[in-house]
Protein backbone atom coordinates (compact mmCIF):
# COMPACT_ATOMS: atom_id res chain seq x y z
CA MET A 1 -161.37 10.29 118.08
CA ASN A 2 -158.92 12.45 120.04
CA THR A 3 -160.69 15.47 121.59
CA THR A 4 -158.00 16.50 124.07
CA TYR A 5 -156.04 19.56 123.04
CA ALA A 6 -153.27 21.65 124.53
CA LYS A 7 -153.80 25.39 124.05
CA SER A 8 -150.88 25.61 121.63
CA GLU A 9 -152.35 22.84 119.47
CA LEU A 10 -155.83 24.29 119.18
CA LEU A 11 -154.98 27.97 118.66
CA PHE A 12 -154.97 29.01 115.02
CA PRO A 13 -151.34 28.96 113.75
CA GLN A 14 -149.73 32.37 113.49
CA GLY A 15 -147.73 31.22 110.49
CA LEU A 16 -150.87 30.29 108.56
CA GLN A 17 -152.50 33.59 109.45
CA GLU A 18 -149.47 35.47 108.11
CA LYS A 19 -149.54 33.37 104.93
CA TRP A 20 -153.19 34.26 104.36
CA LEU A 21 -152.35 37.91 104.89
CA ASP A 22 -149.51 37.82 102.35
CA LEU A 23 -151.63 36.00 99.76
CA HIS A 24 -154.49 38.46 100.09
CA ARG A 25 -152.64 41.80 100.24
CA ASP A 26 -153.69 42.82 96.72
CA TRP A 27 -157.22 41.56 97.35
CA PHE A 28 -157.49 43.58 100.58
CA SER A 29 -156.24 46.67 98.74
CA LYS A 30 -158.90 46.29 96.05
CA GLU A 31 -161.61 45.80 98.69
CA ASP A 32 -160.48 48.99 100.46
CA ASP A 33 -160.67 50.91 97.19
CA ALA A 34 -164.20 49.66 96.45
CA PRO A 35 -165.93 48.81 99.79
CA GLY A 36 -169.47 48.92 98.44
CA LYS A 37 -169.85 45.15 98.24
CA ILE A 38 -168.72 44.38 101.77
CA ASN A 39 -170.67 47.33 103.17
CA LYS A 40 -173.82 45.95 101.60
CA ARG A 41 -173.18 42.53 103.15
CA ILE A 42 -172.79 43.84 106.72
CA THR A 43 -175.35 46.67 106.81
CA ASN A 44 -177.22 44.91 109.62
CA CYS A 45 -174.25 45.27 111.99
CA HIS A 46 -175.64 48.32 113.78
CA ALA A 47 -174.41 50.01 116.96
CA GLY A 48 -174.52 47.61 119.88
CA TYR A 49 -174.13 44.56 117.63
CA LYS A 50 -172.25 41.71 119.27
CA ILE A 51 -168.57 41.86 118.40
CA GLY A 52 -168.24 38.12 117.85
CA VAL A 53 -171.15 38.03 115.42
CA TYR A 54 -169.74 41.05 113.58
CA ALA A 55 -166.36 39.32 113.29
CA GLU A 56 -168.05 36.20 111.91
CA GLN A 57 -169.79 38.31 109.27
CA LEU A 58 -166.46 39.80 108.20
CA LEU A 59 -164.83 36.37 108.04
CA LEU A 60 -167.82 34.98 106.13
CA TYR A 61 -167.28 37.66 103.50
CA PHE A 62 -163.54 36.96 103.42
CA PHE A 63 -163.92 33.21 102.98
CA SER A 64 -166.76 33.61 100.46
CA GLU A 65 -164.82 36.02 98.25
CA SER A 66 -161.25 34.78 98.71
CA PRO A 67 -159.51 33.64 95.51
CA PHE A 68 -157.36 31.22 97.54
CA ILE A 69 -159.71 29.71 100.13
CA LYS A 70 -162.83 27.64 99.51
CA LEU A 71 -165.71 27.94 101.98
CA LEU A 72 -167.44 24.60 102.67
CA GLU A 73 -169.55 25.27 105.76
CA ALA A 74 -170.55 28.41 107.67
CA ASN A 75 -172.68 28.75 110.80
CA ARG A 76 -173.83 25.16 110.41
CA GLN A 77 -176.12 24.16 113.26
CA LEU A 78 -175.61 20.62 114.54
CA VAL A 79 -178.91 19.03 115.49
CA ARG A 80 -179.29 15.70 117.29
CA ASP A 81 -182.67 14.30 118.33
CA SER A 82 -184.31 17.61 117.32
CA VAL A 83 -182.01 19.54 119.66
CA THR A 84 -179.30 21.97 118.51
CA VAL A 85 -176.19 20.77 120.33
CA SER A 86 -173.59 23.03 118.76
CA GLU A 87 -172.68 25.07 115.69
CA ILE A 88 -169.76 25.00 113.29
CA ASP A 89 -168.48 28.51 112.60
CA PHE A 90 -166.43 27.73 109.48
CA LEU A 91 -165.06 24.82 107.50
CA VAL A 92 -162.71 25.85 104.69
CA GLU A 93 -160.35 24.20 102.24
CA PHE A 94 -156.88 25.66 101.73
CA GLU A 95 -154.05 24.07 99.76
CA GLY A 96 -155.75 20.68 99.88
CA LYS A 97 -156.34 20.73 103.66
CA LEU A 98 -159.66 21.01 105.49
CA LEU A 99 -159.62 23.54 108.32
CA HIS A 100 -162.35 23.97 110.92
CA LEU A 101 -162.42 27.35 112.72
CA GLU A 102 -164.31 28.25 115.87
CA VAL A 103 -164.21 32.05 116.05
CA ALA A 104 -164.24 34.41 119.02
CA VAL A 105 -163.31 38.04 119.68
CA LYS A 106 -162.73 38.53 123.39
CA TYR A 107 -161.77 41.27 125.81
CA TYR A 108 -160.71 39.86 129.18
CA LEU A 109 -159.73 41.65 132.39
CA LEU A 110 -157.49 39.96 134.95
CA THR A 111 -159.12 40.00 138.40
CA ASP A 112 -157.56 39.69 141.85
CA THR A 113 -158.54 36.02 141.80
CA LYS A 114 -156.39 35.52 138.68
CA GLU A 115 -159.37 34.93 136.42
CA TRP A 116 -159.62 36.43 132.94
CA VAL A 117 -163.16 37.84 132.97
CA GLY A 118 -165.21 39.56 130.26
CA PRO A 119 -166.62 43.09 130.73
CA ASN A 120 -170.15 41.81 131.43
CA LYS A 121 -168.84 39.48 134.19
CA ARG A 122 -170.58 36.45 132.65
CA ASP A 123 -167.77 35.24 130.44
CA THR A 124 -164.33 33.97 131.45
CA PHE A 125 -161.51 32.64 129.32
CA GLN A 126 -161.63 29.34 131.20
CA ARG A 127 -165.33 28.84 130.46
CA LYS A 128 -164.87 29.72 126.80
CA TRP A 129 -161.88 27.43 126.43
CA GLU A 130 -163.71 24.52 128.05
CA LYS A 131 -166.72 25.05 125.78
CA VAL A 132 -164.56 24.98 122.66
CA VAL A 133 -162.50 21.96 123.75
CA GLN A 134 -165.19 19.89 125.43
CA LYS A 135 -168.21 20.63 123.24
CA GLN A 136 -167.73 22.58 120.03
CA VAL A 137 -164.70 20.75 118.64
CA PRO A 138 -165.87 17.21 119.54
CA GLU A 139 -169.34 17.82 118.09
CA ALA A 140 -167.82 19.29 114.93
CA GLN A 141 -165.40 16.39 114.53
CA ARG A 142 -168.25 13.93 114.96
CA PHE A 143 -170.16 15.75 112.19
CA PHE A 144 -167.16 15.69 109.85
CA VAL A 145 -166.79 11.92 110.31
CA GLU A 146 -170.50 11.34 109.71
CA GLN A 147 -170.41 13.46 106.56
CA GLY A 148 -167.31 11.76 105.21
CA TYR A 149 -165.10 14.82 105.11
CA GLY A 150 -161.99 12.85 106.02
CA ASN A 151 -159.21 14.49 108.02
CA VAL A 152 -160.23 17.94 109.34
CA GLU A 153 -158.01 20.07 111.56
CA SER A 154 -159.89 22.07 114.20
CA PHE A 155 -158.67 25.45 115.46
CA PHE A 156 -159.78 28.14 117.89
CA PHE A 157 -159.48 31.43 115.99
CA VAL A 158 -159.55 33.89 118.91
CA LYS A 159 -158.71 37.59 118.78
CA GLY A 160 -159.02 40.49 121.19
CA TYR A 161 -157.16 42.08 124.08
CA LEU A 162 -156.11 41.20 127.61
CA PHE A 163 -156.26 43.90 130.27
CA THR A 164 -154.40 44.02 133.57
CA GLN A 165 -154.26 46.63 136.29
CA ASN A 166 -151.33 49.06 136.12
CA SER A 167 -150.56 48.16 132.51
CA GLU A 168 -149.18 50.91 130.31
CA ARG A 169 -151.33 50.20 127.25
CA ASN A 170 -154.14 47.74 128.12
CA ASN A 171 -155.24 48.72 131.60
CA TRP A 172 -158.37 48.60 133.74
CA VAL A 173 -159.33 50.75 136.73
CA THR A 174 -162.38 51.47 138.85
CA LEU A 175 -164.29 54.68 138.19
CA SER A 176 -163.10 56.31 141.42
CA LYS A 177 -159.45 55.70 140.49
CA ASN A 178 -159.76 56.82 136.90
CA CYS A 179 -157.09 59.42 136.13
CA LEU A 180 -157.30 59.43 132.35
CA TYR A 181 -158.37 63.07 132.28
CA GLU A 182 -155.06 63.95 133.96
CA ASP A 183 -153.05 62.55 131.05
CA LYS A 184 -151.19 65.60 129.72
CA ALA A 185 -150.28 63.86 126.47
CA ALA A 186 -153.90 63.01 125.62
CA LYS A 187 -155.28 64.62 122.47
CA GLY A 188 -158.78 63.31 123.10
CA PHE A 189 -160.87 60.39 124.28
CA VAL A 190 -163.37 57.99 122.73
CA LEU A 191 -166.03 55.76 124.26
CA PRO A 192 -166.51 53.33 121.36
CA LYS A 193 -169.76 51.46 120.94
CA LYS A 194 -169.95 47.87 119.78
CA PRO A 195 -169.01 46.64 117.25
CA ASN A 196 -166.52 49.51 116.88
CA TRP A 197 -164.36 48.03 119.61
CA MET A 198 -162.71 46.26 116.68
CA ALA A 199 -162.08 49.39 114.61
CA ASP A 200 -158.66 50.76 113.82
CA PHE A 201 -158.09 53.55 116.32
CA GLU A 202 -157.25 55.93 113.47
CA HIS A 203 -160.96 55.68 112.62
CA PHE A 204 -161.73 57.79 115.68
CA ARG A 205 -159.48 60.75 114.97
CA GLY A 206 -161.59 63.87 114.68
CA LYS A 207 -164.38 62.19 116.69
CA THR A 208 -162.96 62.56 120.18
CA MET A 209 -164.27 64.18 123.36
CA ASN A 210 -162.40 66.23 125.96
CA SER A 211 -161.73 65.20 129.54
CA PHE A 212 -164.82 67.00 130.89
CA GLU A 213 -167.10 65.18 128.46
CA LEU A 214 -165.35 61.89 129.21
CA ASN A 215 -165.87 62.25 132.96
CA ARG A 216 -169.56 63.02 132.51
CA LYS A 217 -170.12 60.14 130.08
CA LEU A 218 -168.32 57.65 132.32
CA LYS A 219 -170.53 58.52 135.27
CA GLU A 220 -173.60 58.03 133.09
CA HIS A 221 -172.33 54.66 131.83
CA THR A 222 -171.28 53.17 135.15
CA THR A 223 -174.38 54.39 136.95
CA VAL A 224 -176.80 52.92 134.44
CA LEU A 225 -174.81 49.87 133.36
CA GLU A 226 -173.34 47.00 135.33
CA THR A 227 -170.60 46.31 132.83
CA ALA A 228 -167.13 47.67 132.22
CA VAL A 229 -166.68 50.17 129.38
CA PRO A 230 -163.58 50.81 127.23
CA VAL A 231 -162.00 54.23 126.78
CA ILE A 232 -159.57 54.94 123.96
CA THR A 233 -156.99 57.63 124.69
CA LEU A 234 -155.46 59.21 121.60
CA SER A 235 -152.12 60.96 121.90
CA GLY A 236 -149.22 62.03 119.74
CA SER A 237 -147.32 58.87 120.66
CA GLY A 238 -150.13 56.46 119.83
CA GLN A 239 -153.27 55.03 121.39
CA LYS A 240 -154.13 53.04 124.46
CA VAL A 241 -157.28 51.36 125.75
CA THR A 242 -158.45 51.44 129.35
CA PHE A 243 -161.50 49.67 130.74
CA ILE A 244 -163.39 51.60 133.41
CA VAL A 245 -165.32 49.33 135.78
CA PRO A 246 -167.90 49.90 138.55
CA GLU A 247 -166.45 49.87 142.06
CA ASP A 248 -167.66 46.36 142.92
CA TRP A 249 -167.16 44.89 139.44
CA SER A 250 -164.51 42.30 140.35
CA ASP A 251 -166.50 41.18 143.42
CA LYS A 252 -169.57 40.20 141.41
CA ILE A 253 -168.39 37.71 138.82
CA ILE A 254 -171.45 35.80 137.66
CA GLN A 255 -171.06 32.07 138.22
CA PRO A 256 -172.24 29.55 135.59
């Protein structure tokens, strides 16, 4: 069994994603018009809920209700010798093909050491990639063979944002160098709580704070917390996201 993948081979195909979007446009529209069913399914996704788990709940609803995709497995724990060794996020059937998806929603900041690191400093893209390639996919493929599923294509369905210093739209800065409140074009600011990091920025219009409130909130966050926090800046020309990090954030990456 081949368990060696190049990044381009394992990443979920953009073409297939676009095809799913086109097929489901009417379905999405109907769900938007009558959101009661999906709201009932995800009522437990309260403030502070992990973004990845929230995303999985949304995809579970999508695959369960889709008129074009058949859900075969979801959040299936793989147990060997009474020990849980891995978990399959999703196995679906589409147009006669079996597709295995490992799902992640990630926000990574590029450090001076050229590592893509998560806001809590525990997660890096390299670690996540190695876990998917070296553990999750091989264990899932072994399960599919044992269960007689036949040929199953495995994919890493990863979404999110990458942040670099001095970027125009997805930027990160230390608290002492934060100049967001000097942005003359800013109409307001938002400090979104999880899982609302995933929300359409239009959702926050009318719920913004001014620069004085932003400065006060940021000091509270970075004093109490050890993690980076995102700030959404809303302006007439659009929106941008900036992560504000403690002064020594990039010097204290937590090693595995």
